Amino acid sequence: MGKRVLTKREKEIFDYLITNKTTKEIANKLKISEKTVRNHISNVMQKLGVKGRACAVIELIKLNEITL
């Protein structure tokens, strides 16, 4: 798989996810709807070819897209 870069918004969302924020908390912080947050997460999982947020986080760490 070639290196895929997260959009700025996707990175923001995953940075919040790894600090244990809920979809609702992320939506409130970014002033977007919960559905939009879920869509961004789904898009990232699809880009990475993984099922589940935890797998996406692991892949993003491996790709140095996010850090803990």
PDB file of N, CA and C in Angstrom:
ATOM      1  N   MET A   1       0.841  -1.190   0.000  1.00  0.00           N
ATOM      2  CA  MET A   1       0.000   0.000   0.000  1.00  0.00           C
ATOM      3  C   MET A   1       0.883   1.250   0.000  1.00  0.00           C
ATOM      4  N   GLY A   2       0.608   2.173  -0.886  1.00  0.00           N
ATOM      5  CA  GLY A   2       1.363   3.427  -0.925  1.00  0.00           C
ATOM      6  C   GLY A   2       0.966   4.317   0.246  1.00  0.00           C
ATOM      7  N   LYS A   3       1.804   5.274   0.530  1.00  0.00           N
ATOM      8  CA  LYS A   3       1.515   6.171   1.653  1.00  0.00           C
ATOM      9  C   LYS A   3       0.306   7.043   1.337  1.00  0.00           C
ATOM     10  N   ARG A   4      -0.659   7.004   2.203  1.00  0.00           N
ATOM     11  CA  ARG A   4      -1.845   7.844   2.053  1.00  0.00           C
ATOM     12  C   ARG A   4      -1.826   8.885   3.148  1.00  0.00           C
ATOM     13  N   VAL A   5      -2.051  10.107   2.767  1.00  0.00           N
ATOM     14  CA  VAL A   5      -2.005  11.193   3.733  1.00  0.00           C
ATOM     15  C   VAL A   5      -3.425  11.559   4.152  1.00  0.00           C
ATOM     16  N   LEU A   6      -3.592  11.734   5.458  1.00  0.00           N
ATOM     17  CA  LEU A   6      -4.885  12.166   5.974  1.00  0.00           C
ATOM     18  C   LEU A   6      -5.134  13.617   5.594  1.00  0.00           C
ATOM     19  N   THR A   7      -6.402  13.956   5.424  1.00  0.00           N
ATOM     20  CA  THR A   7      -6.733  15.369   5.279  1.00  0.00           C
ATOM     21  C   THR A   7      -6.529  16.018   6.644  1.00  0.00           C
ATOM     22  N   LYS A   8      -6.475  17.334   6.653  1.00  0.00           N
ATOM     23  CA  LYS A   8      -6.302  18.062   7.913  1.00  0.00           C
ATOM     24  C   LYS A   8      -7.423  17.688   8.898  1.00  0.00           C
ATOM     25  N   ARG A   9      -8.646  17.635   8.413  1.00  0.00           N
ATOM     26  CA  ARG A   9      -9.802  17.329   9.272  1.00  0.00           C
ATOM     27  C   ARG A   9      -9.737  15.900   9.791  1.00  0.00           C
ATOM     28  N   GLU A  10      -9.373  14.958   8.929  1.00  0.00           N
ATOM     29  CA  GLU A  10      -9.260  13.561   9.377  1.00  0.00           C
ATOM     30  C   GLU A  10      -8.212  13.439  10.469  1.00  0.00           C
ATOM     31  N   LYS A  11      -7.096  14.132  10.292  1.00  0.00           N
ATOM     32  CA  LYS A  11      -6.047  14.082  11.312  1.00  0.00           C
ATOM     33  C   LYS A  11      -6.549  14.668  12.629  1.00  0.00           C
ATOM     34  N   GLU A  12      -7.253  15.785  12.563  1.00  0.00           N
ATOM     35  CA  GLU A  12      -7.820  16.387  13.782  1.00  0.00           C
ATOM     36  C   GLU A  12      -8.705  15.383  14.511  1.00  0.00           C
ATOM     37  N   ILE A  13      -9.553  14.714  13.748  1.00  0.00           N
ATOM     38  CA  ILE A  13     -10.489  13.764  14.349  1.00  0.00           C
ATOM     39  C   ILE A  13      -9.741  12.610  15.007  1.00  0.00           C
ATOM     40  N   PHE A  14      -8.750  12.056  14.321  1.00  0.00           N
ATOM     41  CA  PHE A  14      -8.011  10.936  14.912  1.00  0.00           C
ATOM     42  C   PHE A  14      -7.136  11.376  16.079  1.00  0.00           C
ATOM     43  N   ASP A  15      -6.648  12.613  16.041  1.00  0.00           N
ATOM     44  CA  ASP A  15      -5.914  13.131  17.204  1.00  0.00           C
ATOM     45  C   ASP A  15      -6.832  13.178  18.430  1.00  0.00           C
ATOM     46  N   TYR A  16      -8.088  13.535  18.237  1.00  0.00           N
ATOM     47  CA  TYR A  16      -9.047  13.523  19.353  1.00  0.00           C
ATOM     48  C   TYR A  16      -9.413  12.091  19.753  1.00  0.00           C
ATOM     49  N   LEU A  17      -9.584  11.222  18.761  1.00  0.00           N
ATOM     50  CA  LEU A  17      -9.952   9.830  19.054  1.00  0.00           C
ATOM     51  C   LEU A  17      -8.925   9.154  19.960  1.00  0.00           C
ATOM     52  N   ILE A  18      -7.645   9.400  19.701  1.00  0.00           N
ATOM     53  CA  ILE A  18      -6.624   8.728  20.505  1.00  0.00           C
ATOM     54  C   ILE A  18      -6.514   9.313  21.907  1.00  0.00           C
ATOM     55  N   THR A  19      -7.202  10.433  22.155  1.00  0.00           N
ATOM     56  CA  THR A  19      -7.243  10.953  23.526  1.00  0.00           C
ATOM     57  C   THR A  19      -8.560  10.545  24.194  1.00  0.00           C
ATOM     58  N   ASN A  20      -9.213   9.528  23.600  1.00  0.00           N
ATOM     59  CA  ASN A  20     -10.413   8.926  24.185  1.00  0.00           C
ATOM     60  C   ASN A  20     -11.653   9.820  24.132  1.00  0.00           C
ATOM     61  N   LYS A  21     -11.703  10.717  23.157  1.00  0.00           N
ATOM     62  CA  LYS A  21     -12.885  11.564  22.987  1.00  0.00           C
ATOM     63  C   LYS A  21     -13.965  10.773  22.245  1.00  0.00           C
ATOM     64  N   THR A  22     -15.218  11.031  22.613  1.00  0.00           N
ATOM     65  CA  THR A  22     -16.334  10.375  21.931  1.00  0.00           C
ATOM     66  C   THR A  22     -16.637  11.112  20.633  1.00  0.00           C
ATOM     67  N   THR A  23     -17.430  10.469  19.793  1.00  0.00           N
ATOM     68  CA  THR A  23     -17.863  11.115  18.549  1.00  0.00           C
ATOM     69  C   THR A  23     -18.552  12.436  18.858  1.00  0.00           C
ATOM     70  N   LYS A  24     -19.398  12.419  19.871  1.00  0.00           N
ATOM     71  CA  LYS A  24     -20.129  13.634  20.250  1.00  0.00           C
ATOM     72  C   LYS A  24     -19.176  14.741  20.711  1.00  0.00           C
ATOM     73  N   GLU A  25     -18.194  14.382  21.539  1.00  0.00           N
ATOM     74  CA  GLU A  25     -17.218  15.371  22.022  1.00  0.00           C
ATOM     75  C   GLU A  25     -16.403  15.960  20.870  1.00  0.00           C
ATOM     76  N   ILE A  26     -16.011  15.095  19.930  1.00  0.00           N
ATOM     77  CA  ILE A  26     -15.244  15.559  18.775  1.00  0.00           C
ATOM     78  C   ILE A  26     -16.101  16.510  17.940  1.00  0.00           C
ATOM     79  N   ALA A  27     -17.344  16.127  17.710  1.00  0.00           N
ATOM     80  CA  ALA A  27     -18.259  16.973  16.927  1.00  0.00           C
ATOM     81  C   ALA A  27     -18.411  18.343  17.573  1.00  0.00           C
ATOM     82  N   ASN A  28     -18.591  18.361  18.883  1.00  0.00           N
ATOM     83  CA  ASN A  28     -18.743  19.635  19.595  1.00  0.00           C
ATOM     84  C   ASN A  28     -17.491  20.490  19.493  1.00  0.00           C
ATOM     85  N   LYS A  29     -16.322  19.867  19.672  1.00  0.00           N
ATOM     86  CA  LYS A  29     -15.064  20.618  19.613  1.00  0.00           C
ATOM     87  C   LYS A  29     -14.828  21.231  18.237  1.00  0.00           C
ATOM     88  N   LEU A  30     -15.157  20.453  17.176  1.00  0.00           N
ATOM     89  CA  LEU A  30     -14.888  20.914  15.815  1.00  0.00           C
ATOM     90  C   LEU A  30     -16.071  21.655  15.202  1.00  0.00           C
ATOM     91  N   LYS A  31     -17.163  21.736  15.952  1.00  0.00           N
ATOM     92  CA  LYS A  31     -18.380  22.419  15.495  1.00  0.00           C
ATOM     93  C   LYS A  31     -18.909  21.837  14.185  1.00  0.00           C
ATOM     94  N   ILE A  32     -18.949  20.501  14.159  1.00  0.00           N
ATOM     95  CA  ILE A  32     -19.533  19.770  13.032  1.00  0.00           C
ATOM     96  C   ILE A  32     -20.480  18.728  13.606  1.00  0.00           C
ATOM     97  N   SER A  33     -21.271  18.096  12.758  1.00  0.00           N
ATOM     98  CA  SER A  33     -22.231  17.104  13.258  1.00  0.00           C
ATOM     99  C   SER A  33     -21.531  15.781  13.579  1.00  0.00           C
ATOM    100  N   GLU A  34     -22.195  14.995  14.434  1.00  0.00           N
ATOM    101  CA  GLU A  34     -21.652  13.664  14.761  1.00  0.00           C
ATOM    102  C   GLU A  34     -21.575  12.806  13.504  1.00  0.00           C
ATOM    103  N   LYS A  35     -22.566  12.963  12.611  1.00  0.00           N
ATOM    104  CA  LYS A  35     -22.569  12.186  11.369  1.00  0.00           C
ATOM    105  C   LYS A  35     -21.335  12.518  10.534  1.00  0.00           C
ATOM    106  N   THR A  36     -20.958  13.791  10.490  1.00  0.00           N
ATOM    107  CA  THR A  36     -19.773  14.196   9.735  1.00  0.00           C
ATOM    108  C   THR A  36     -18.515  13.566  10.336  1.00  0.00           C
ATOM    109  N   VAL A  37     -18.450  13.540  11.667  1.00  0.00           N
ATOM    110  CA  VAL A  37     -17.312  12.894  12.340  1.00  0.00           C
ATOM    111  C   VAL A  37     -17.253  11.424  11.934  1.00  0.00           C
ATOM    112  N   ARG A  38     -18.399  10.741  12.011  1.00  0.00           N
ATOM    113  CA  ARG A  38     -18.435   9.320  11.640  1.00  0.00           C
ATOM    114  C   ARG A  38     -18.060   9.113  10.175  1.00  0.00           C
ATOM    115  N   ASN A  39     -18.487  10.032   9.309  1.00  0.00           N
ATOM    116  CA  ASN A  39     -18.129   9.925   7.885  1.00  0.00           C
ATOM    117  C   ASN A  39     -16.625  10.038   7.685  1.00  0.00           C
ATOM    118  N   HIS A  40     -15.998  10.979   8.369  1.00  0.00           N
ATOM    119  CA  HIS A  40     -14.539  11.127   8.253  1.00  0.00           C
ATOM    120  C   HIS A  40     -13.840   9.860   8.729  1.00  0.00           C
ATOM    121  N   ILE A  41     -14.306   9.301   9.844  1.00  0.00           N
ATOM    122  CA  ILE A  41     -13.698   8.079  10.385  1.00  0.00           C
ATOM    123  C   ILE A  41     -13.867   6.934   9.383  1.00  0.00           C
ATOM    124  N   SER A  42     -15.073   6.809   8.816  1.00  0.00           N
ATOM    125  CA  SER A  42     -15.336   5.758   7.818  1.00  0.00           C
ATOM    126  C   SER A  42     -14.451   5.924   6.594  1.00  0.00           C
ATOM    127  N   ASN A  43     -14.281   7.166   6.146  1.00  0.00           N
ATOM    128  CA  ASN A  43     -13.430   7.429   4.984  1.00  0.00           C
ATOM    129  C   ASN A  43     -11.996   6.979   5.243  1.00  0.00           C
ATOM    130  N   VAL A  44     -11.501   7.271   6.438  1.00  0.00           N
ATOM    131  CA  VAL A  44     -10.129   6.873   6.788  1.00  0.00           C
ATOM    132  C   VAL A  44     -10.027   5.347   6.829  1.00  0.00           C
ATOM    133  N   MET A  45     -11.004   4.693   7.436  1.00  0.00           N
ATOM    134  CA  MET A  45     -10.968   3.222   7.502  1.00  0.00           C
ATOM    135  C   MET A  45     -10.985   2.632   6.098  1.00  0.00           C
ATOM    136  N   GLN A  46     -11.771   3.234   5.209  1.00  0.00           N
ATOM    137  CA  GLN A  46     -11.832   2.763   3.828  1.00  0.00           C
ATOM    138  C   GLN A  46     -10.496   2.980   3.112  1.00  0.00           C
ATOM    139  N   LYS A  47      -9.897   4.147   3.287  1.00  0.00           N
ATOM    140  CA  LYS A  47      -8.578   4.442   2.686  1.00  0.00           C
ATOM    141  C   LYS A  47      -7.543   3.416   3.117  1.00  0.00           C
ATOM    142  N   LEU A  48      -7.603   3.047   4.403  1.00  0.00           N
ATOM    143  CA  LEU A  48      -6.601   2.141   4.968  1.00  0.00           C
ATOM    144  C   LEU A  48      -6.946   0.674   4.733  1.00  0.00           C
ATOM    145  N   GLY A  49      -8.195   0.402   4.343  1.00  0.00           N
ATOM    146  CA  GLY A  49      -8.630  -0.979   4.137  1.00  0.00           C
ATOM    147  C   GLY A  49      -8.747  -1.748   5.429  1.00  0.00           C
ATOM    148  N   VAL A  50      -9.207  -1.072   6.494  1.00  0.00           N
ATOM    149  CA  VAL A  50      -9.359  -1.735   7.795  1.00  0.00           C
ATOM    150  C   VAL A  50     -10.806  -1.639   8.272  1.00  0.00           C
ATOM    151  N   LYS A  51     -11.127  -2.520   9.204  1.00  0.00           N
ATOM    152  CA  LYS A  51     -12.442  -2.493   9.824  1.00  0.00           C
ATOM    153  C   LYS A  51     -12.267  -2.063  11.272  1.00  0.00           C
ATOM    154  N   GLY A  52     -12.902  -0.994  11.655  1.00  0.00           N
ATOM    155  CA  GLY A  52     -12.847  -0.557  13.044  1.00  0.00           C
ATOM    156  C   GLY A  52     -11.865   0.566  13.287  1.00  0.00           C
ATOM    157  N   ARG A  53     -12.248   1.395  14.258  1.00  0.00           N
ATOM    158  CA  ARG A  53     -11.437   2.564  14.610  1.00  0.00           C
ATOM    159  C   ARG A  53     -10.086   2.167  15.174  1.00  0.00           C
ATOM    160  N   ALA A  54     -10.067   1.122  15.993  1.00  0.00           N
ATOM    161  CA  ALA A  54      -8.806   0.703  16.627  1.00  0.00           C
ATOM    162  C   ALA A  54      -7.793   0.282  15.568  1.00  0.00           C
ATOM    163  N   CYS A  55      -8.247  -0.473  14.581  1.00  0.00           N
ATOM    164  CA  CYS A  55      -7.343  -0.897  13.501  1.00  0.00           C
ATOM    165  C   CYS A  55      -6.852   0.311  12.712  1.00  0.00           C
ATOM    166  N   ALA A  56      -7.728   1.283  12.501  1.00  0.00           N
ATOM    167  CA  ALA A  56      -7.328   2.503  11.785  1.00  0.00           C
ATOM    168  C   ALA A  56      -6.240   3.231  12.566  1.00  0.00           C
ATOM    169  N   VAL A  57      -6.427   3.347  13.876  1.00  0.00           N
ATOM    170  CA  VAL A  57      -5.439   4.030  14.721  1.00  0.00           C
ATOM    171  C   VAL A  57      -4.085   3.319  14.620  1.00  0.00           C
ATOM    172  N   ILE A  58      -4.100   1.995  14.708  1.00  0.00           N
ATOM    173  CA  ILE A  58      -2.854   1.222  14.633  1.00  0.00           C
ATOM    174  C   ILE A  58      -2.155   1.470  13.294  1.00  0.00           C
ATOM    175  N   GLU A  59      -2.914   1.414  12.207  1.00  0.00           N
ATOM    176  CA  GLU A  59      -2.325   1.639  10.882  1.00  0.00           C
ATOM    177  C   GLU A  59      -1.765   3.051  10.752  1.00  0.00           C
ATOM    178  N   LEU A  60      -2.501   4.029  11.263  1.00  0.00           N
ATOM    179  CA  LEU A  60      -2.060   5.429  11.167  1.00  0.00           C
ATOM    180  C   LEU A  60      -0.778   5.660  11.961  1.00  0.00           C
ATOM    181  N   ILE A  61      -0.647   4.957  13.089  1.00  0.00           N
ATOM    182  CA  ILE A  61       0.589   5.058  13.875  1.00  0.00           C
ATOM    183  C   ILE A  61       1.747   4.438  13.087  1.00  0.00           C
ATOM    184  N   LYS A  62       1.492   3.275  12.506  1.00  0.00           N
ATOM    185  CA  LYS A  62       2.531   2.608  11.699  1.00  0.00           C
ATOM    186  C   LYS A  62       2.991   3.485  10.544  1.00  0.00           C
ATOM    187  N   LEU A  63       2.057   4.241   9.972  1.00  0.00           N
ATOM    188  CA  LEU A  63       2.369   5.103   8.828  1.00  0.00           C
ATOM    189  C   LEU A  63       2.905   6.472   9.254  1.00  0.00           C
ATOM    190  N   ASN A  64       3.065   6.652  10.555  1.00  0.00           N
ATOM    191  CA  ASN A  64       3.512   7.930  11.121  1.00  0.00           C
ATOM    192  C   ASN A  64       2.594   9.101  10.762  1.00  0.00           C
ATOM    193  N   GLU A  65       1.304   8.784  10.581  1.00  0.00           N
ATOM    194  CA  GLU A  65       0.321   9.841  10.323  1.00  0.00           C
ATOM    195  C   GLU A  65      -0.118  10.495  11.633  1.00  0.00           C
ATOM    196  N   ILE A  66      -0.158   9.686  12.694  1.00  0.00           N
ATOM    197  CA  ILE A  66      -0.490  10.192  14.030  1.00  0.00           C
ATOM    198  C   ILE A  66       0.487   9.599  15.019  1.00  0.00           C
ATOM    199  N   THR A  67       0.614  10.245  16.163  1.00  0.00           N
ATOM    200  CA  THR A  67       1.461   9.715  17.244  1.00  0.00           C
ATOM    201  C   THR A  67       0.671   9.746  18.533  1.00  0.00           C
ATOM    202  N   LEU A  68       1.004   8.827  19.412  1.00  0.00           N
ATOM    203  CA  LEU A  68       0.312   8.773  20.706  1.00  0.00           C
ATOM    204  C   LEU A  68       0.900   9.791  21.658  1.00  0.00           C
TER     205      LEU A  68
END
